[in-house]
N, C-alpha and C. Protein backbone atom coordinates (compact mmCIF):
# COMPACT_ATOMS: atom_id res chain seq x y z
N MET A 1 -10.28 18.34 57.91
CA MET A 1 -9.95 19.07 57.42
C MET A 1 -9.41 20.24 58.25
N HIS A 2 -9.63 20.35 59.61
CA HIS A 2 -9.90 21.21 60.57
C HIS A 2 -8.24 20.89 60.89
N ASP A 3 -7.73 19.98 61.10
CA ASP A 3 -6.27 20.22 61.48
C ASP A 3 -5.47 20.52 60.71
N ILE A 4 -5.64 20.35 59.14
CA ILE A 4 -5.12 21.35 58.21
C ILE A 4 -5.01 22.98 58.88
N GLU A 5 -6.51 23.11 58.54
CA GLU A 5 -6.68 24.93 59.19
C GLU A 5 -6.38 24.77 60.14
N VAL A 6 -5.79 24.27 61.34
CA VAL A 6 -5.23 24.75 62.49
C VAL A 6 -3.55 25.33 62.23
N GLU A 7 -3.05 24.50 61.39
CA GLU A 7 -1.79 24.02 60.77
C GLU A 7 -1.50 25.28 59.88
N VAL A 8 -2.20 25.66 59.26
CA VAL A 8 -2.33 26.85 58.45
C VAL A 8 -2.02 28.27 59.25
N GLU A 9 -3.67 28.23 59.93
CA GLU A 9 -3.68 29.25 60.61
C GLU A 9 -2.28 30.08 61.47
N ASP A 10 -1.41 29.32 61.90
CA ASP A 10 -0.63 28.36 63.10
C ASP A 10 0.69 28.77 62.30
N LEU A 11 0.48 29.08 60.95
CA LEU A 11 1.78 29.73 60.15
C LEU A 11 1.51 31.24 59.93
N GLY A 12 0.37 31.82 60.44
CA GLY A 12 -0.44 32.66 59.64
C GLY A 12 -0.30 33.17 58.52
N ALA A 13 -0.88 32.21 57.84
CA ALA A 13 -1.26 32.03 56.73
C ALA A 13 -2.68 31.68 56.22
N SER A 14 -3.33 31.74 55.15
CA SER A 14 -4.25 31.12 54.74
C SER A 14 -4.97 30.54 53.63
N LEU A 15 -5.55 29.82 53.94
CA LEU A 15 -6.16 28.28 52.95
C LEU A 15 -7.32 28.75 52.23
N ASN A 16 -8.10 28.56 51.06
CA ASN A 16 -9.16 28.83 50.74
C ASN A 16 -8.87 27.40 49.60
N ALA A 17 -10.35 27.09 49.19
CA ALA A 17 -10.68 26.50 47.88
C ALA A 17 -11.58 26.99 47.24
N TYR A 18 -12.03 26.24 46.04
CA TYR A 18 -13.27 26.44 44.90
C TYR A 18 -12.80 25.78 43.75
N THR A 19 -14.09 25.24 43.05
CA THR A 19 -14.63 24.38 42.48
C THR A 19 -14.89 25.10 41.28
N SER A 20 -14.99 25.24 40.02
CA SER A 20 -15.61 25.72 38.83
C SER A 20 -15.77 24.11 37.96
N ARG A 21 -16.41 24.63 37.02
CA ARG A 21 -16.98 23.65 35.92
C ARG A 21 -15.59 22.93 35.47
N GLU A 22 -14.29 23.61 35.46
CA GLU A 22 -13.32 22.40 34.48
C GLU A 22 -12.21 22.22 35.57
N GLN A 23 -12.06 22.55 36.73
CA GLN A 23 -10.94 23.17 38.01
C GLN A 23 -11.26 22.81 39.41
N THR A 24 -10.75 22.14 40.33
CA THR A 24 -10.61 22.62 41.31
C THR A 24 -8.86 23.00 42.07
N ALA A 25 -9.12 24.15 42.73
CA ALA A 25 -7.90 24.95 43.35
C ALA A 25 -8.57 25.36 44.60
N TYR A 26 -6.68 25.00 45.33
CA TYR A 26 -6.93 25.50 46.42
C TYR A 26 -5.22 26.40 46.46
N VAL A 27 -6.11 27.55 47.53
CA VAL A 27 -5.27 28.70 47.73
C VAL A 27 -4.58 28.96 48.45
N ALA A 28 -3.39 29.13 48.53
CA ALA A 28 -2.98 29.61 50.34
C ALA A 28 -1.78 30.61 50.09
N ARG A 29 -1.74 31.45 51.06
CA ARG A 29 -1.49 32.67 50.90
C ARG A 29 -0.57 32.81 52.49
N CYS A 30 0.88 33.48 52.16
CA CYS A 30 1.97 32.85 53.28
C CYS A 30 2.59 33.83 53.16
N ILE A 31 3.66 34.15 54.08
CA ILE A 31 4.65 35.13 53.70
C ILE A 31 6.01 34.32 53.45
N ALA A 32 7.17 34.82 52.79
CA ALA A 32 7.86 34.45 51.87
C ALA A 32 8.50 32.97 52.76
N GLY A 33 9.06 33.46 53.72
CA GLY A 33 9.52 32.54 55.04
C GLY A 33 8.97 31.25 54.97
N ASP A 34 7.39 31.40 55.11
CA ASP A 34 7.01 30.26 55.21
C ASP A 34 6.13 29.15 54.05
N LEU A 35 6.80 29.84 52.84
CA LEU A 35 6.52 28.93 51.29
C LEU A 35 6.73 27.51 51.67
N PRO A 36 7.92 27.35 52.11
CA PRO A 36 8.35 25.60 52.19
C PRO A 36 6.82 25.17 52.96
N ARG A 37 7.04 25.67 53.79
CA ARG A 37 5.87 24.68 55.03
C ARG A 37 4.44 24.37 54.40
N THR A 38 4.23 25.89 53.97
CA THR A 38 2.63 26.16 52.98
C THR A 38 2.85 25.16 51.45
N MET A 39 3.67 25.06 51.29
CA MET A 39 3.87 23.95 50.37
C MET A 39 3.35 22.73 50.74
N ASP A 40 4.27 22.26 51.71
CA ASP A 40 3.93 20.96 51.93
C ASP A 40 2.86 20.78 52.52
N VAL A 41 1.99 21.68 53.16
CA VAL A 41 0.27 21.29 53.61
C VAL A 41 0.01 21.15 52.29
N LEU A 42 -0.34 22.09 51.35
CA LEU A 42 -1.05 21.85 49.91
C LEU A 42 -0.58 20.43 49.38
N GLY A 43 0.78 20.30 49.54
CA GLY A 43 0.57 18.66 48.70
C GLY A 43 0.31 17.35 49.83
N ASP A 44 -0.21 17.72 51.23
CA ASP A 44 -0.55 16.96 52.01
C ASP A 44 -1.80 16.25 51.58
N ILE A 45 -2.61 18.08 51.09
CA ILE A 45 -4.17 17.89 50.98
C ILE A 45 -4.50 17.71 49.54
N LEU A 46 -3.39 17.52 48.76
CA LEU A 46 -3.83 16.92 47.36
C LEU A 46 -2.73 15.54 47.57
N GLN A 47 -1.97 14.74 48.07
CA GLN A 47 -1.97 13.27 48.01
C GLN A 47 -2.45 12.44 48.91
N HIS A 48 -2.47 12.89 50.00
CA HIS A 48 -3.14 12.48 51.39
C HIS A 48 -4.44 12.66 52.31
N SER A 49 -5.50 12.76 50.96
CA SER A 49 -6.83 13.22 51.79
C SER A 49 -7.30 12.50 52.00
N ARG A 50 -8.09 11.90 52.90
CA ARG A 50 -9.20 10.94 53.44
C ARG A 50 -10.25 11.90 53.45
N LEU A 51 -11.64 10.84 52.77
CA LEU A 51 -12.78 11.42 52.50
C LEU A 51 -13.70 10.72 53.15
N ALA A 52 -14.48 10.87 54.13
CA ALA A 52 -15.66 9.98 54.46
C ALA A 52 -16.85 9.32 53.80
N PRO A 53 -16.93 8.11 53.83
CA PRO A 53 -17.99 7.64 53.18
C PRO A 53 -19.43 8.98 53.28
N GLU A 54 -19.56 9.05 54.62
CA GLU A 54 -20.90 9.91 54.76
C GLU A 54 -21.00 11.16 53.58
N ALA A 55 -19.43 12.03 53.58
CA ALA A 55 -18.97 12.84 53.06
C ALA A 55 -18.91 13.14 51.68
N VAL A 56 -19.01 11.96 51.24
CA VAL A 56 -19.27 11.76 49.54
C VAL A 56 -20.19 11.44 49.51
N HIS A 57 -20.85 10.32 50.00
CA HIS A 57 -22.69 10.18 49.54
C HIS A 57 -23.39 11.67 49.79
N ARG A 58 -22.91 12.51 50.69
CA ARG A 58 -23.85 13.59 50.96
C ARG A 58 -23.60 14.86 49.75
N GLU A 59 -22.19 14.56 48.87
CA GLU A 59 -21.36 15.70 48.00
C GLU A 59 -22.15 14.70 46.73
N ARG A 60 -22.34 13.68 46.22
CA ARG A 60 -22.34 12.73 45.04
C ARG A 60 -23.58 13.50 43.71
N ASP A 61 -24.53 13.90 44.64
CA ASP A 61 -25.57 14.66 43.85
C ASP A 61 -25.22 15.29 43.12
N VAL A 62 -24.19 16.46 44.04
CA VAL A 62 -23.86 17.62 43.28
C VAL A 62 -22.37 17.60 42.15
N ILE A 63 -21.55 16.30 42.97
CA ILE A 63 -20.81 15.93 42.12
C ILE A 63 -20.90 15.16 40.54
N LEU A 64 -22.31 14.71 40.43
CA LEU A 64 -22.76 14.08 39.69
C LEU A 64 -23.28 15.07 37.95
N ARG A 65 -24.14 16.19 39.08
CA ARG A 65 -24.77 16.98 38.63
C ARG A 65 -23.59 18.36 37.72
N GLU A 66 -22.37 18.66 38.49
CA GLU A 66 -21.35 19.09 38.29
C GLU A 66 -20.44 18.62 36.67
N ALA A 67 -20.46 17.06 36.62
CA ALA A 67 -19.53 16.51 35.64
C ALA A 67 -20.24 16.36 34.59
N LYS A 68 -21.96 16.37 34.87
CA LYS A 68 -22.52 16.35 33.63
C LYS A 68 -22.67 17.41 32.72
N GLU A 69 -22.62 18.62 34.05
CA GLU A 69 -22.92 20.24 33.09
C GLU A 69 -20.97 20.02 31.94
N VAL A 70 -20.31 19.85 33.06
CA VAL A 70 -18.86 20.11 32.19
C VAL A 70 -18.87 18.87 30.97
N GLY A 71 -19.65 18.02 30.66
CA GLY A 71 -19.83 17.02 29.85
C GLY A 71 -20.53 17.69 28.40
N GLU A 72 -21.76 18.22 28.70
CA GLU A 72 -22.76 19.00 28.35
C GLU A 72 -21.91 20.59 27.44
N GLY A 73 -20.93 20.67 28.41
CA GLY A 73 -20.50 22.37 28.23
C GLY A 73 -19.88 22.08 26.75
N TRP A 74 -18.82 21.03 27.10
CA TRP A 74 -18.06 20.61 25.92
C TRP A 74 -18.29 20.83 24.63
N VAL A 75 -19.61 19.89 24.91
CA VAL A 75 -20.88 20.19 23.60
C VAL A 75 -20.98 20.81 23.00
N ARG A 76 -21.60 21.91 23.52
CA ARG A 76 -22.16 23.40 23.02
C ARG A 76 -20.96 24.03 22.67
N ALA A 77 -20.02 23.85 23.43
CA ALA A 77 -18.65 24.37 22.72
C ALA A 77 -18.16 23.77 21.39
N GLY A 78 -18.15 22.32 21.67
CA GLY A 78 -17.68 22.32 20.24
C GLY A 78 -18.48 22.77 19.23
N CYS A 79 -19.72 22.64 19.33
CA CYS A 79 -20.84 22.89 18.20
C CYS A 79 -20.88 24.08 17.50
N SER A 80 -20.01 25.17 18.51
CA SER A 80 -20.48 27.05 17.98
C SER A 80 -21.74 27.10 17.84
N GLY A 81 -22.61 27.12 18.73
CA GLY A 81 -24.14 26.85 18.26
C GLY A 81 -25.00 26.70 17.69
N ARG A 82 -24.25 25.55 16.40
CA ARG A 82 -25.09 24.96 15.27
C ARG A 82 -25.82 23.91 15.84
N CYS A 83 -25.66 23.09 16.93
CA CYS A 83 -26.13 21.83 17.13
C CYS A 83 -27.37 22.21 17.76
N GLU A 84 -27.95 20.81 17.75
CA GLU A 84 -29.21 20.55 18.37
C GLU A 84 -29.17 20.10 20.04
N GLU A 85 -29.51 20.62 20.31
CA GLU A 85 -29.74 19.81 21.62
C GLU A 85 -31.29 19.48 22.30
């Protein structure tokens, strides 16, 4: 990710990302003239990410816990508070 951060900063733009229970978002802020290049960078992130096995292993428990929470959230939302857990 370091190379991507440098590329974005060279444009004078900023890049951020976050996850919630239901989405992952990448946010880039740039001036209008840099929008095409910034969109190329975001496209590269989405289409060509390479995840090191060590990084995946390190995050595995977090990913599984969040996936479980999302599943439980759907059950709770669908029950409208009348389901037994």
